[in-house]
Amino acid sequence: MEEQNNTAQITEQNSSNDLHNSAFSVVEELVYWRDVRRSALVFGGSMLVLLSLATFSFISVLSYLLLAVLCITITFRVYKSVIQALQKSDEGHPFKVLLDKNISITPETAHRYTDLLLLNLNRALIQTRRLLLVEDVVDSLKLAGLMWVLTYVGAVFNGVTLLILADIVFFCTPLVYEKNKTQIDRYVELVRTQLEEKLE
């Protein structure tokens, strides 16, 4: 019985690691701009949504996005219907491939994502309890210092502005680092050695 539990835990860890690695590789391709068109589309779309959220409410942004998608799909459907009527062809529904595609979530996939979410949630809860109940004084003081700095950041920026800045940093920093890796590493090492000398 214990062997089965160990085997199940190892299988669960391997599947969550595979899921994590595949998600990480997709994100890595996006932020390093391996496929420029896809990265530009994701970056532009995320910036558009965030800038819209800075101006309008979430409900308005969601409504406008869905309205834009509906306008495009209805226009395309009508256009294809007119073309089919003029050419007297019977190609069928223009979105038939997408309509026939199975988009339902399998129980295995749902369990895998739920298990991964539960694992990360439990880690976060344990870490939060450890920090808030002062298991380690130094770590709790670091958290207190971070929260104190964030009160000033929150006074200057709102949440959407921080998300916009994070989006820009997320898509620009890896590419800049990849192109200038040697110079950046040299300066980081120089700063690190100077800090170590001053702290000693």
N, C-alpha and C. Protein backbone atom coordinates (compact mmCIF):
# COMPACT_ATOMS: atom_id res chain seq x y z
N MET A 1 0.83 -1.20 0.00
CA MET A 1 0.00 0.00 0.00
C MET A 1 0.87 1.27 0.00
N GLU A 2 1.91 1.24 0.84
CA GLU A 2 2.80 2.39 0.92
C GLU A 2 3.55 2.59 -0.40
N GLU A 3 3.91 1.47 -1.06
CA GLU A 3 4.58 1.56 -2.36
C GLU A 3 3.68 2.22 -3.40
N GLN A 4 2.39 1.88 -3.37
CA GLN A 4 1.44 2.48 -4.31
C GLN A 4 1.32 3.98 -4.07
N ASN A 5 1.29 4.40 -2.79
CA ASN A 5 1.22 5.83 -2.48
C ASN A 5 2.46 6.56 -2.97
N ASN A 6 3.64 5.94 -2.75
CA ASN A 6 4.89 6.56 -3.22
C ASN A 6 4.91 6.65 -4.74
N THR A 7 4.47 5.58 -5.41
CA THR A 7 4.42 5.58 -6.87
C THR A 7 3.45 6.65 -7.38
N ALA A 8 2.29 6.77 -6.72
CA ALA A 8 1.31 7.79 -7.12
C ALA A 8 1.87 9.19 -6.91
N GLN A 9 2.60 9.41 -5.80
CA GLN A 9 3.18 10.73 -5.55
C GLN A 9 4.25 11.05 -6.59
N ILE A 10 5.08 10.07 -6.93
CA ILE A 10 6.13 10.29 -7.93
C ILE A 10 5.51 10.59 -9.29
N THR A 11 4.47 9.83 -9.67
CA THR A 11 3.78 10.08 -10.93
C THR A 11 3.15 11.47 -10.95
N GLU A 12 2.55 11.85 -9.82
CA GLU A 12 1.92 13.18 -9.73
C GLU A 12 2.97 14.27 -9.84
N GLN A 13 4.12 14.09 -9.18
CA GLN A 13 5.18 15.10 -9.26
C GLN A 13 5.73 15.19 -10.68
N ASN A 14 5.91 14.03 -11.34
CA ASN A 14 6.42 14.05 -12.72
C ASN A 14 5.46 14.73 -13.67
N SER A 15 4.14 14.47 -13.52
CA SER A 15 3.17 15.12 -14.41
C SER A 15 3.11 16.61 -14.14
N SER A 16 3.22 17.03 -12.87
CA SER A 16 3.21 18.47 -12.59
C SER A 16 4.49 19.11 -13.08
N ASN A 17 5.64 18.39 -13.01
CA ASN A 17 6.89 18.93 -13.56
C ASN A 17 6.81 19.06 -15.07
N ASP A 18 6.23 18.05 -15.76
CA ASP A 18 6.06 18.13 -17.21
C ASP A 18 5.19 19.31 -17.59
N LEU A 19 4.09 19.50 -16.85
CA LEU A 19 3.18 20.62 -17.11
C LEU A 19 3.89 21.94 -16.88
N HIS A 20 4.67 22.01 -15.80
CA HIS A 20 5.42 23.23 -15.48
C HIS A 20 6.45 23.50 -16.56
N ASN A 21 7.18 22.47 -17.01
CA ASN A 21 8.20 22.65 -18.04
C ASN A 21 7.61 23.07 -19.37
N SER A 22 6.46 22.49 -19.76
CA SER A 22 5.85 22.88 -21.03
C SER A 22 5.33 24.31 -20.97
N ALA A 23 4.74 24.69 -19.84
CA ALA A 23 4.27 26.07 -19.69
C ALA A 23 5.45 27.04 -19.68
N PHE A 24 6.53 26.64 -19.02
CA PHE A 24 7.72 27.49 -18.97
C PHE A 24 8.32 27.68 -20.35
N SER A 25 8.35 26.61 -21.17
CA SER A 25 8.93 26.74 -22.51
C SER A 25 8.08 27.65 -23.40
N VAL A 26 6.75 27.60 -23.23
CA VAL A 26 5.88 28.50 -24.00
C VAL A 26 6.13 29.95 -23.60
N VAL A 27 6.23 30.21 -22.29
CA VAL A 27 6.49 31.57 -21.81
C VAL A 27 7.87 32.03 -22.26
N GLU A 28 8.84 31.14 -22.21
CA GLU A 28 10.19 31.49 -22.63
C GLU A 28 10.22 31.89 -24.10
N GLU A 29 9.52 31.15 -24.95
CA GLU A 29 9.45 31.50 -26.37
C GLU A 29 8.82 32.88 -26.57
N LEU A 30 7.81 33.20 -25.76
CA LEU A 30 7.16 34.50 -25.89
C LEU A 30 8.08 35.64 -25.47
N VAL A 31 8.70 35.53 -24.28
CA VAL A 31 9.47 36.67 -23.78
C VAL A 31 10.81 36.85 -24.47
N TYR A 32 11.34 35.77 -25.08
CA TYR A 32 12.58 35.91 -25.85
C TYR A 32 12.30 36.20 -27.31
N TRP A 33 11.05 36.38 -27.67
CA TRP A 33 10.63 36.78 -29.01
C TRP A 33 11.14 35.80 -30.06
N ARG A 34 11.03 34.48 -29.79
CA ARG A 34 11.45 33.47 -30.77
C ARG A 34 10.55 33.53 -32.01
N ASP A 35 9.24 33.69 -31.78
CA ASP A 35 8.29 33.91 -32.86
C ASP A 35 7.80 35.35 -32.71
N VAL A 36 8.36 36.24 -33.52
CA VAL A 36 8.12 37.67 -33.36
C VAL A 36 6.63 38.00 -33.50
N ARG A 37 5.95 37.38 -34.44
CA ARG A 37 4.53 37.68 -34.65
C ARG A 37 3.71 37.32 -33.42
N ARG A 38 3.93 36.13 -32.88
CA ARG A 38 3.17 35.69 -31.70
C ARG A 38 3.48 36.55 -30.48
N SER A 39 4.77 36.85 -30.26
CA SER A 39 5.16 37.68 -29.12
C SER A 39 4.57 39.08 -29.24
N ALA A 40 4.63 39.64 -30.45
CA ALA A 40 4.07 40.98 -30.66
C ALA A 40 2.56 40.97 -30.44
N LEU A 41 1.89 39.92 -30.88
CA LEU A 41 0.45 39.81 -30.68
C LEU A 41 0.10 39.72 -29.19
N VAL A 42 0.82 38.89 -28.45
CA VAL A 42 0.54 38.75 -27.02
C VAL A 42 0.89 40.03 -26.27
N PHE A 43 2.05 40.62 -26.58
CA PHE A 43 2.45 41.85 -25.91
C PHE A 43 1.50 43.00 -26.24
N GLY A 44 1.16 43.16 -27.52
CA GLY A 44 0.23 44.22 -27.92
C GLY A 44 -1.15 44.02 -27.32
N GLY A 45 -1.63 42.77 -27.33
CA GLY A 45 -2.94 42.49 -26.75
C GLY A 45 -2.98 42.75 -25.26
N SER A 46 -1.93 42.30 -24.55
CA SER A 46 -1.91 42.53 -23.10
C SER A 46 -1.79 44.02 -22.78
N MET A 47 -1.01 44.75 -23.55
CA MET A 47 -0.90 46.20 -23.32
C MET A 47 -2.23 46.90 -23.61
N LEU A 48 -2.90 46.48 -24.67
CA LEU A 48 -4.20 47.07 -25.01
C LEU A 48 -5.21 46.84 -23.90
N VAL A 49 -5.26 45.61 -23.39
CA VAL A 49 -6.20 45.30 -22.30
C VAL A 49 -5.84 46.09 -21.05
N LEU A 50 -4.56 46.15 -20.70
CA LEU A 50 -4.16 46.86 -19.48
C LEU A 50 -4.40 48.37 -19.60
N LEU A 51 -4.10 48.93 -20.76
CA LEU A 51 -4.36 50.37 -20.95
C LEU A 51 -5.85 50.66 -20.94
N SER A 52 -6.64 49.73 -21.48
CA SER A 52 -8.09 49.89 -21.43
C SER A 52 -8.60 49.81 -20.00
N LEU A 53 -8.03 48.89 -19.21
CA LEU A 53 -8.43 48.77 -17.81
C LEU A 53 -8.03 50.00 -17.00
N ALA A 54 -6.98 50.69 -17.44
CA ALA A 54 -6.57 51.92 -16.75
C ALA A 54 -7.59 53.03 -17.00
N THR A 55 -8.32 52.95 -18.10
CA THR A 55 -9.27 53.99 -18.46
C THR A 55 -10.71 53.61 -18.14
N PHE A 56 -11.08 52.36 -18.41
CA PHE A 56 -12.47 51.92 -18.26
C PHE A 56 -12.58 50.85 -17.18
N SER A 57 -13.79 50.52 -16.81
CA SER A 57 -14.01 49.46 -15.83
C SER A 57 -13.80 48.10 -16.49
N PHE A 58 -13.62 47.07 -15.66
CA PHE A 58 -13.40 45.71 -16.16
C PHE A 58 -14.58 45.24 -17.01
N ILE A 59 -15.79 45.53 -16.56
CA ILE A 59 -16.99 45.10 -17.28
C ILE A 59 -17.04 45.76 -18.66
N SER A 60 -16.70 47.05 -18.73
CA SER A 60 -16.69 47.75 -20.02
C SER A 60 -15.65 47.16 -20.96
N VAL A 61 -14.45 46.89 -20.44
CA VAL A 61 -13.39 46.33 -21.28
C VAL A 61 -13.79 44.96 -21.80
N LEU A 62 -14.32 44.11 -20.92
CA LEU A 62 -14.76 42.78 -21.33
C LEU A 62 -15.86 42.87 -22.37
N SER A 63 -16.82 43.77 -22.16
CA SER A 63 -17.92 43.93 -23.11
C SER A 63 -17.41 44.41 -24.47
N TYR A 64 -16.52 45.37 -24.47
CA TYR A 64 -15.97 45.87 -25.74
C TYR A 64 -15.15 44.79 -26.46
N LEU A 65 -14.38 44.00 -25.73
CA LEU A 65 -13.61 42.93 -26.36
C LEU A 65 -14.52 41.89 -27.01
N LEU A 66 -15.54 41.46 -26.26
CA LEU A 66 -16.47 40.48 -26.82
C LEU A 66 -17.27 41.07 -27.98
N LEU A 67 -17.64 42.34 -27.90
CA LEU A 67 -18.35 43.00 -28.99
C LEU A 67 -17.46 43.07 -30.24
N ALA A 68 -16.17 43.36 -30.06
CA ALA A 68 -15.25 43.40 -31.21
C ALA A 68 -15.12 42.03 -31.85
N VAL A 69 -14.99 40.98 -31.03
CA VAL A 69 -14.90 39.62 -31.57
C VAL A 69 -16.17 39.26 -32.32
N LEU A 70 -17.33 39.60 -31.74
CA LEU A 70 -18.60 39.31 -32.41
C LEU A 70 -18.73 40.07 -33.73
N CYS A 71 -18.31 41.31 -33.76
CA CYS A 71 -18.37 42.09 -35.01
C CYS A 71 -17.53 41.42 -36.10
N ILE A 72 -16.34 40.97 -35.73
CA ILE A 72 -15.46 40.33 -36.70
C ILE A 72 -16.05 39.02 -37.19
N THR A 73 -16.52 38.17 -36.26
CA THR A 73 -17.03 36.86 -36.67
C THR A 73 -18.34 36.97 -37.45
N ILE A 74 -19.22 37.87 -37.05
CA ILE A 74 -20.48 38.03 -37.79
C ILE A 74 -20.22 38.57 -39.18
N THR A 75 -19.32 39.55 -39.28
CA THR A 75 -18.98 40.11 -40.59
C THR A 75 -18.38 39.05 -41.49
N PHE A 76 -17.48 38.25 -40.95
CA PHE A 76 -16.87 37.19 -41.74
C PHE A 76 -17.89 36.15 -42.17
N ARG A 77 -18.79 35.80 -41.27
CA ARG A 77 -19.84 34.80 -41.59
C ARG A 77 -20.75 35.32 -42.70
N VAL A 78 -21.18 36.59 -42.62
CA VAL A 78 -22.04 37.17 -43.64
C VAL A 78 -21.29 37.25 -44.97
N TYR A 79 -20.03 37.67 -44.92
CA TYR A 79 -19.21 37.77 -46.13
C TYR A 79 -19.10 36.41 -46.83
N LYS A 80 -18.80 35.37 -46.04
CA LYS A 80 -18.68 34.04 -46.63
C LYS A 80 -20.01 33.54 -47.19
N SER A 81 -21.12 33.88 -46.50
CA SER A 81 -22.44 33.47 -47.00
C SER A 81 -22.76 34.15 -48.32
N VAL A 82 -22.43 35.43 -48.45
CA VAL A 82 -22.66 36.16 -49.70
C VAL A 82 -21.80 35.57 -50.82
N ILE A 83 -20.53 35.31 -50.53
CA ILE A 83 -19.64 34.72 -51.52
C ILE A 83 -20.16 33.36 -51.97
N GLN A 84 -20.62 32.55 -51.01
CA GLN A 84 -21.16 31.23 -51.36
C GLN A 84 -22.43 31.35 -52.21
N ALA A 85 -23.27 32.35 -51.89
CA ALA A 85 -24.50 32.53 -52.67
C ALA A 85 -24.18 32.99 -54.09
N LEU A 86 -23.19 33.89 -54.23
CA LEU A 86 -22.83 34.37 -55.56
C LEU A 86 -22.16 33.28 -56.40
N GLN A 87 -21.34 32.48 -55.78
CA GLN A 87 -20.64 31.43 -56.51
C GLN A 87 -21.44 30.13 -56.57
N LYS A 88 -22.56 30.13 -55.90
CA LYS A 88 -23.43 28.95 -55.84
C LYS A 88 -22.66 27.71 -55.38
N SER A 89 -21.85 27.90 -54.36
CA SER A 89 -21.10 26.78 -53.79
C SER A 89 -21.70 26.44 -52.42
N ASP A 90 -21.38 25.26 -51.96
CA ASP A 90 -21.90 24.82 -50.68
C ASP A 90 -20.73 24.40 -49.79
N GLU A 91 -19.97 25.40 -49.35
CA GLU A 91 -18.81 25.12 -48.50
C GLU A 91 -19.21 24.91 -47.05
N GLY A 92 -20.39 25.33 -46.68
CA GLY A 92 -20.84 25.16 -45.31
C GLY A 92 -20.42 26.32 -44.42
N HIS A 93 -20.48 26.09 -43.15
CA HIS A 93 -20.18 27.12 -42.16
C HIS A 93 -18.69 27.47 -42.19
N PRO A 94 -18.33 28.76 -42.23
CA PRO A 94 -16.91 29.13 -42.32
C PRO A 94 -16.11 28.77 -41.07
N PHE A 95 -16.77 28.60 -39.94
CA PHE A 95 -16.08 28.25 -38.70
C PHE A 95 -16.29 26.78 -38.33
N LYS A 96 -16.60 25.95 -39.32
CA LYS A 96 -16.92 24.55 -39.05
C LYS A 96 -15.77 23.82 -38.37
N VAL A 97 -14.55 24.09 -38.79
CA VAL A 97 -13.39 23.43 -38.18
C VAL A 97 -13.30 23.77 -36.69
N LEU A 98 -13.53 25.05 -36.37
CA LEU A 98 -13.47 25.46 -34.97
C LEU A 98 -14.66 24.94 -34.18
N LEU A 99 -15.84 24.87 -34.83
CA LEU A 99 -17.02 24.37 -34.14
C LEU A 99 -16.91 22.87 -33.86
N ASP A 100 -16.26 22.13 -34.74
CA ASP A 100 -16.12 20.69 -34.56
C ASP A 100 -14.99 20.33 -33.60
N LYS A 101 -14.12 21.29 -33.31
CA LYS A 101 -12.98 21.02 -32.43
C LYS A 101 -13.46 20.79 -31.01
N ASN A 102 -12.92 19.78 -30.37
CA ASN A 102 -13.30 19.46 -28.99
C ASN A 102 -12.52 20.36 -28.04
N ILE A 103 -13.23 21.24 -27.33
CA ILE A 103 -12.56 22.14 -26.40
C ILE A 103 -12.91 21.81 -24.95
N SER A 104 -13.57 20.68 -24.74
CA SER A 104 -13.92 20.31 -23.37
C SER A 104 -12.67 19.88 -22.62
N ILE A 105 -12.68 20.12 -21.33
CA ILE A 105 -11.55 19.77 -20.47
C ILE A 105 -11.78 18.36 -19.94
N THR A 106 -10.81 17.49 -20.15
CA THR A 106 -10.93 16.12 -19.67
C THR A 106 -10.75 16.09 -18.15
N PRO A 107 -11.33 15.12 -17.51
CA PRO A 107 -11.16 15.02 -16.05
C PRO A 107 -9.69 14.90 -15.64
N GLU A 108 -8.89 14.19 -16.45
CA GLU A 108 -7.46 14.05 -16.11
C GLU A 108 -6.76 15.40 -16.13
N THR A 109 -7.05 16.21 -17.15
CA THR A 109 -6.44 17.54 -17.24
C THR A 109 -6.91 18.41 -16.08
N ALA A 110 -8.20 18.35 -15.78
CA ALA A 110 -8.73 19.14 -14.66
C ALA A 110 -8.08 18.72 -13.35
N HIS A 111 -7.92 17.41 -13.14
CA HIS A 111 -7.28 16.93 -11.92
C HIS A 111 -5.82 17.37 -11.85
N ARG A 112 -5.14 17.32 -13.00
CA ARG A 112 -3.72 17.71 -13.02
C ARG A 112 -3.57 19.19 -12.66
N TYR A 113 -4.38 20.05 -13.29
CA TYR A 113 -4.30 21.47 -12.98
C TYR A 113 -4.75 21.76 -11.56
N THR A 114 -5.79 21.07 -11.09
CA THR A 114 -6.26 21.27 -9.73
C THR A 114 -5.20 20.85 -8.72
N ASP A 115 -4.55 19.70 -8.98
CA ASP A 115 -3.49 19.25 -8.08
C ASP A 115 -2.32 20.23 -8.06
N LEU A 116 -1.97 20.75 -9.22
CA LEU A 116 -0.88 21.73 -9.29
C LEU A 116 -1.26 23.01 -8.56
N LEU A 117 -2.50 23.46 -8.74
CA LEU A 117 -2.97 24.66 -8.05
C LEU A 117 -2.99 24.43 -6.55
N LEU A 118 -3.47 23.27 -6.13
CA LEU A 118 -3.52 22.95 -4.71
C LEU A 118 -2.13 22.88 -4.10
N LEU A 119 -1.18 22.30 -4.82
CA LEU A 119 0.20 22.22 -4.34
C LEU A 119 0.78 23.62 -4.13
N ASN A 120 0.61 24.50 -5.12
CA ASN A 120 1.13 25.86 -5.00
C ASN A 120 0.40 26.66 -3.93
N LEU A 121 -0.91 26.47 -3.81
CA LEU A 121 -1.68 27.16 -2.78
C LEU A 121 -1.24 26.74 -1.38
N ASN A 122 -1.02 25.44 -1.20
CA ASN A 122 -0.55 24.97 0.10
C ASN A 122 0.83 25.51 0.44
N ARG A 123 1.73 25.56 -0.54
CA ARG A 123 3.05 26.16 -0.32
C ARG A 123 2.93 27.61 0.10
N ALA A 124 2.05 28.35 -0.61
CA ALA A 124 1.88 29.77 -0.29
C ALA A 124 1.29 29.95 1.11
N LEU A 125 0.33 29.11 1.47
CA LEU A 125 -0.28 29.21 2.81
C LEU A 125 0.74 28.90 3.90
N ILE A 126 1.55 27.88 3.70
CA ILE A 126 2.57 27.53 4.69
C ILE A 126 3.59 28.65 4.82
N GLN A 127 4.00 29.20 3.69
CA GLN A 127 4.98 30.30 3.72
C GLN A 127 4.38 31.54 4.38
N THR A 128 3.12 31.84 4.09
CA THR A 128 2.46 33.00 4.70
C THR A 128 2.35 32.81 6.21
N ARG A 129 1.94 31.62 6.62
CA ARG A 129 1.85 31.35 8.07
C ARG A 129 3.22 31.50 8.72
N ARG A 130 4.25 30.98 8.06
CA ARG A 130 5.60 31.05 8.60
C ARG A 130 6.07 32.49 8.77
N LEU A 131 5.74 33.33 7.78
CA LEU A 131 6.18 34.73 7.83
C LEU A 131 5.36 35.55 8.82
N LEU A 132 4.04 35.37 8.81
CA LEU A 132 3.19 36.19 9.67
C LEU A 132 3.27 35.80 11.15
N LEU A 133 3.54 34.53 11.41
CA LEU A 133 3.64 34.09 12.81
C LEU A 133 5.09 34.06 13.29
N VAL A 134 5.98 34.70 12.54
CA VAL A 134 7.37 34.96 12.91
C VAL A 134 8.11 33.69 13.31
N GLU A 135 8.10 32.71 12.43
CA GLU A 135 8.90 31.52 12.66
C GLU A 135 10.37 31.86 12.58
N ASP A 136 10.72 32.71 11.60
CA ASP A 136 12.09 33.21 11.47
C ASP A 136 12.01 34.73 11.50
N VAL A 137 12.65 35.34 12.49
CA VAL A 137 12.53 36.78 12.71
C VAL A 137 13.08 37.56 11.51
N VAL A 138 14.21 37.11 10.96
CA VAL A 138 14.83 37.84 9.85
C VAL A 138 13.90 37.85 8.63
N ASP A 139 13.33 36.71 8.29
CA ASP A 139 12.43 36.65 7.13
C ASP A 139 11.19 37.52 7.36
N SER A 140 10.65 37.51 8.56
CA SER A 140 9.47 38.33 8.87
C SER A 140 9.80 39.81 8.81
N LEU A 141 11.01 40.19 9.24
CA LEU A 141 11.44 41.59 9.14
C LEU A 141 11.63 42.00 7.68
N LYS A 142 12.13 41.07 6.87
CA LYS A 142 12.25 41.35 5.42
C LYS A 142 10.88 41.61 4.82
N LEU A 143 9.89 40.79 5.19
CA LEU A 143 8.53 40.98 4.70
C LEU A 143 7.98 42.32 5.17
N ALA A 144 8.23 42.67 6.44
CA ALA A 144 7.75 43.96 6.95
C ALA A 144 8.39 45.12 6.18
N GLY A 145 9.68 45.02 5.89
CA GLY A 145 10.35 46.06 5.11
C GLY A 145 9.79 46.17 3.70
N LEU A 146 9.54 45.01 3.08
CA LEU A 146 8.95 45.01 1.75
C LEU A 146 7.56 45.64 1.75
N MET A 147 6.75 45.29 2.72
CA MET A 147 5.39 45.86 2.81
C MET A 147 5.44 47.37 3.06
N TRP A 148 6.42 47.81 3.85
CA TRP A 148 6.56 49.25 4.12
C TRP A 148 6.92 49.99 2.83
N VAL A 149 7.84 49.41 2.03
CA VAL A 149 8.21 50.03 0.74
C VAL A 149 7.01 50.03 -0.19
N LEU A 150 6.24 48.93 -0.18
CA LEU A 150 5.07 48.84 -1.07
C LEU A 150 3.98 49.84 -0.70
N THR A 151 3.93 50.30 0.55
CA THR A 151 2.96 51.35 0.88
C THR A 151 3.28 52.64 0.13
N TYR A 152 4.57 52.94 -0.03
CA TYR A 152 4.96 54.12 -0.80
C TYR A 152 4.73 53.92 -2.30
N VAL A 153 5.02 52.70 -2.78
CA VAL A 153 4.77 52.39 -4.19
C VAL A 153 3.27 52.51 -4.48
N GLY A 154 2.44 51.99 -3.57
CA GLY A 154 0.98 52.07 -3.74
C GLY A 154 0.45 53.48 -3.70
N ALA A 155 1.15 54.37 -2.98
CA ALA A 155 0.72 55.77 -2.94
C ALA A 155 1.01 56.47 -4.25
N VAL A 156 2.02 56.01 -4.99
CA VAL A 156 2.41 56.66 -6.24
C VAL A 156 1.71 56.02 -7.44
N PHE A 157 1.63 54.69 -7.46
CA PHE A 157 1.06 53.97 -8.59
C PHE A 157 -0.18 53.22 -8.16
N ASN A 158 -1.13 53.06 -9.10
CA ASN A 158 -2.23 52.15 -8.82
C ASN A 158 -1.89 50.77 -9.39
N GLY A 159 -2.73 49.79 -9.14
CA GLY A 159 -2.43 48.41 -9.53
C GLY A 159 -2.29 48.22 -11.02
N VAL A 160 -3.14 48.89 -11.81
CA VAL A 160 -3.09 48.71 -13.26
C VAL A 160 -1.80 49.30 -13.83
N THR A 161 -1.34 50.42 -13.27
CA THR A 161 -0.08 51.02 -13.72
C THR A 161 1.08 50.07 -13.45
N LEU A 162 1.07 49.44 -12.29
CA LEU A 162 2.12 48.47 -11.97
C LEU A 162 2.05 47.26 -12.92
N LEU A 163 0.84 46.83 -13.26
CA LEU A 163 0.71 45.72 -14.22
C LEU A 163 1.23 46.11 -15.60
N ILE A 164 0.98 47.35 -16.01
CA ILE A 164 1.50 47.83 -17.31
C ILE A 164 3.02 47.83 -17.29
N LEU A 165 3.60 48.36 -16.21
CA LEU A 165 5.06 48.37 -16.10
C LEU A 165 5.63 46.95 -16.06
N ALA A 166 4.95 46.06 -15.33
CA ALA A 166 5.40 44.66 -15.26
C ALA A 166 5.33 44.00 -16.63
N ASP A 167 4.29 44.31 -17.40
CA ASP A 167 4.15 43.75 -18.75
C ASP A 167 5.29 44.21 -19.65
N ILE A 168 5.62 45.49 -19.57
CA ILE A 168 6.73 46.02 -20.38
C ILE A 168 8.04 45.37 -19.97
N VAL A 169 8.30 45.28 -18.67
CA VAL A 169 9.54 44.67 -18.18
C VAL A 169 9.58 43.19 -18.57
N PHE A 170 8.44 42.50 -18.45
CA PHE A 170 8.36 41.07 -18.74
C PHE A 170 8.71 40.77 -20.19
N PHE A 171 8.30 41.64 -21.11
CA PHE A 171 8.56 41.38 -22.52
C PHE A 171 9.85 42.00 -23.03
N CYS A 172 10.40 42.98 -22.33
CA CYS A 172 11.59 43.66 -22.84
C CYS A 172 12.89 43.22 -22.17
N THR A 173 12.85 42.97 -20.87
CA THR A 173 14.08 42.65 -20.13
C THR A 173 14.79 41.39 -20.64
N PRO A 174 14.09 40.26 -20.85
CA PRO A 174 14.81 39.07 -21.31
C PRO A 174 15.50 39.27 -22.66
N LEU A 175 14.86 39.99 -23.55
CA LEU A 175 15.45 40.22 -24.87
C LEU A 175 16.69 41.11 -24.76
N VAL A 176 16.60 42.17 -23.96
CA VAL A 176 17.75 43.06 -23.77
C VAL A 176 18.89 42.30 -23.10
N TYR A 177 18.55 41.46 -22.11
CA TYR A 177 19.59 40.68 -21.42
C TYR A 177 20.24 39.69 -22.38
N GLU A 178 19.44 39.04 -23.21
CA GLU A 178 19.99 38.05 -24.14
C GLU A 178 20.95 38.71 -25.14
N LYS A 179 20.63 39.91 -25.59
CA LYS A 179 21.48 40.58 -26.58
C LYS A 179 22.73 41.19 -25.96
N ASN A 180 22.67 41.58 -24.66
CA ASN A 180 23.80 42.23 -24.01
C ASN A 180 24.25 41.46 -22.77
N LYS A 181 24.23 40.15 -22.85
CA LYS A 181 24.49 39.30 -21.69
C LYS A 181 25.87 39.52 -21.09
N THR A 182 26.90 39.59 -21.90
CA THR A 182 28.26 39.70 -21.36
C THR A 182 28.48 41.02 -20.63
N GLN A 183 28.01 42.12 -21.22
CA GLN A 183 28.19 43.42 -20.56
C GLN A 183 27.38 43.51 -19.27
N ILE A 184 26.13 43.02 -19.31
CA ILE A 184 25.28 43.08 -18.12
C ILE A 184 25.86 42.22 -17.02
N ASP A 185 26.32 41.01 -17.35
CA ASP A 185 26.92 40.13 -16.34
C ASP A 185 28.17 40.75 -15.73
N ARG A 186 28.96 41.41 -16.56
CA ARG A 186 30.18 42.06 -16.06
C ARG A 186 29.83 43.16 -15.07
N TYR A 187 28.83 44.01 -15.41
CA TYR A 187 28.46 45.10 -14.50
C TYR A 187 27.79 44.57 -13.22
N VAL A 188 26.99 43.53 -13.34
CA VAL A 188 26.36 42.94 -12.16
C VAL A 188 27.42 42.36 -11.23
N GLU A 189 28.42 41.69 -11.80
CA GLU A 189 29.50 41.14 -10.99
C GLU A 189 30.30 42.26 -10.32
N LEU A 190 30.52 43.36 -11.04
CA LEU A 190 31.24 44.50 -10.47
C LEU A 190 30.47 45.09 -9.30
N VAL A 191 29.16 45.27 -9.47
CA VAL A 191 28.33 45.81 -8.38
C VAL A 191 28.31 44.84 -7.21
N ARG A 192 28.21 43.55 -7.49
CA ARG A 192 28.17 42.55 -6.42
C ARG A 192 29.46 42.57 -5.60
N THR A 193 30.62 42.65 -6.27
CA THR A 193 31.89 42.67 -5.53
C THR A 193 32.03 43.94 -4.71
N GLN A 194 31.57 45.07 -5.27
CA GLN A 194 31.66 46.32 -4.50
C GLN A 194 30.74 46.28 -3.28
N LEU A 195 29.54 45.71 -3.43
CA LEU A 195 28.63 45.59 -2.28
C LEU A 195 29.22 44.67 -1.22
N GLU A 196 29.81 43.56 -1.65
CA GLU A 196 30.42 42.64 -0.67
C GLU A 196 31.56 43.29 0.06
N GLU A 197 32.38 44.10 -0.65
CA GLU A 197 33.48 44.80 0.00
C GLU A 197 32.97 45.81 1.02
N LYS A 198 31.92 46.54 0.70
CA LYS A 198 31.40 47.57 1.61
C LYS A 198 30.69 46.95 2.81
N LEU A 199 30.07 45.77 2.61
CA LEU A 199 29.35 45.14 3.71
C LEU A 199 30.29 44.39 4.66
N GLU A 200 31.50 44.09 4.23
CA GLU A 200 32.44 43.37 5.10
C GLU A 200 33.13 44.26 6.07
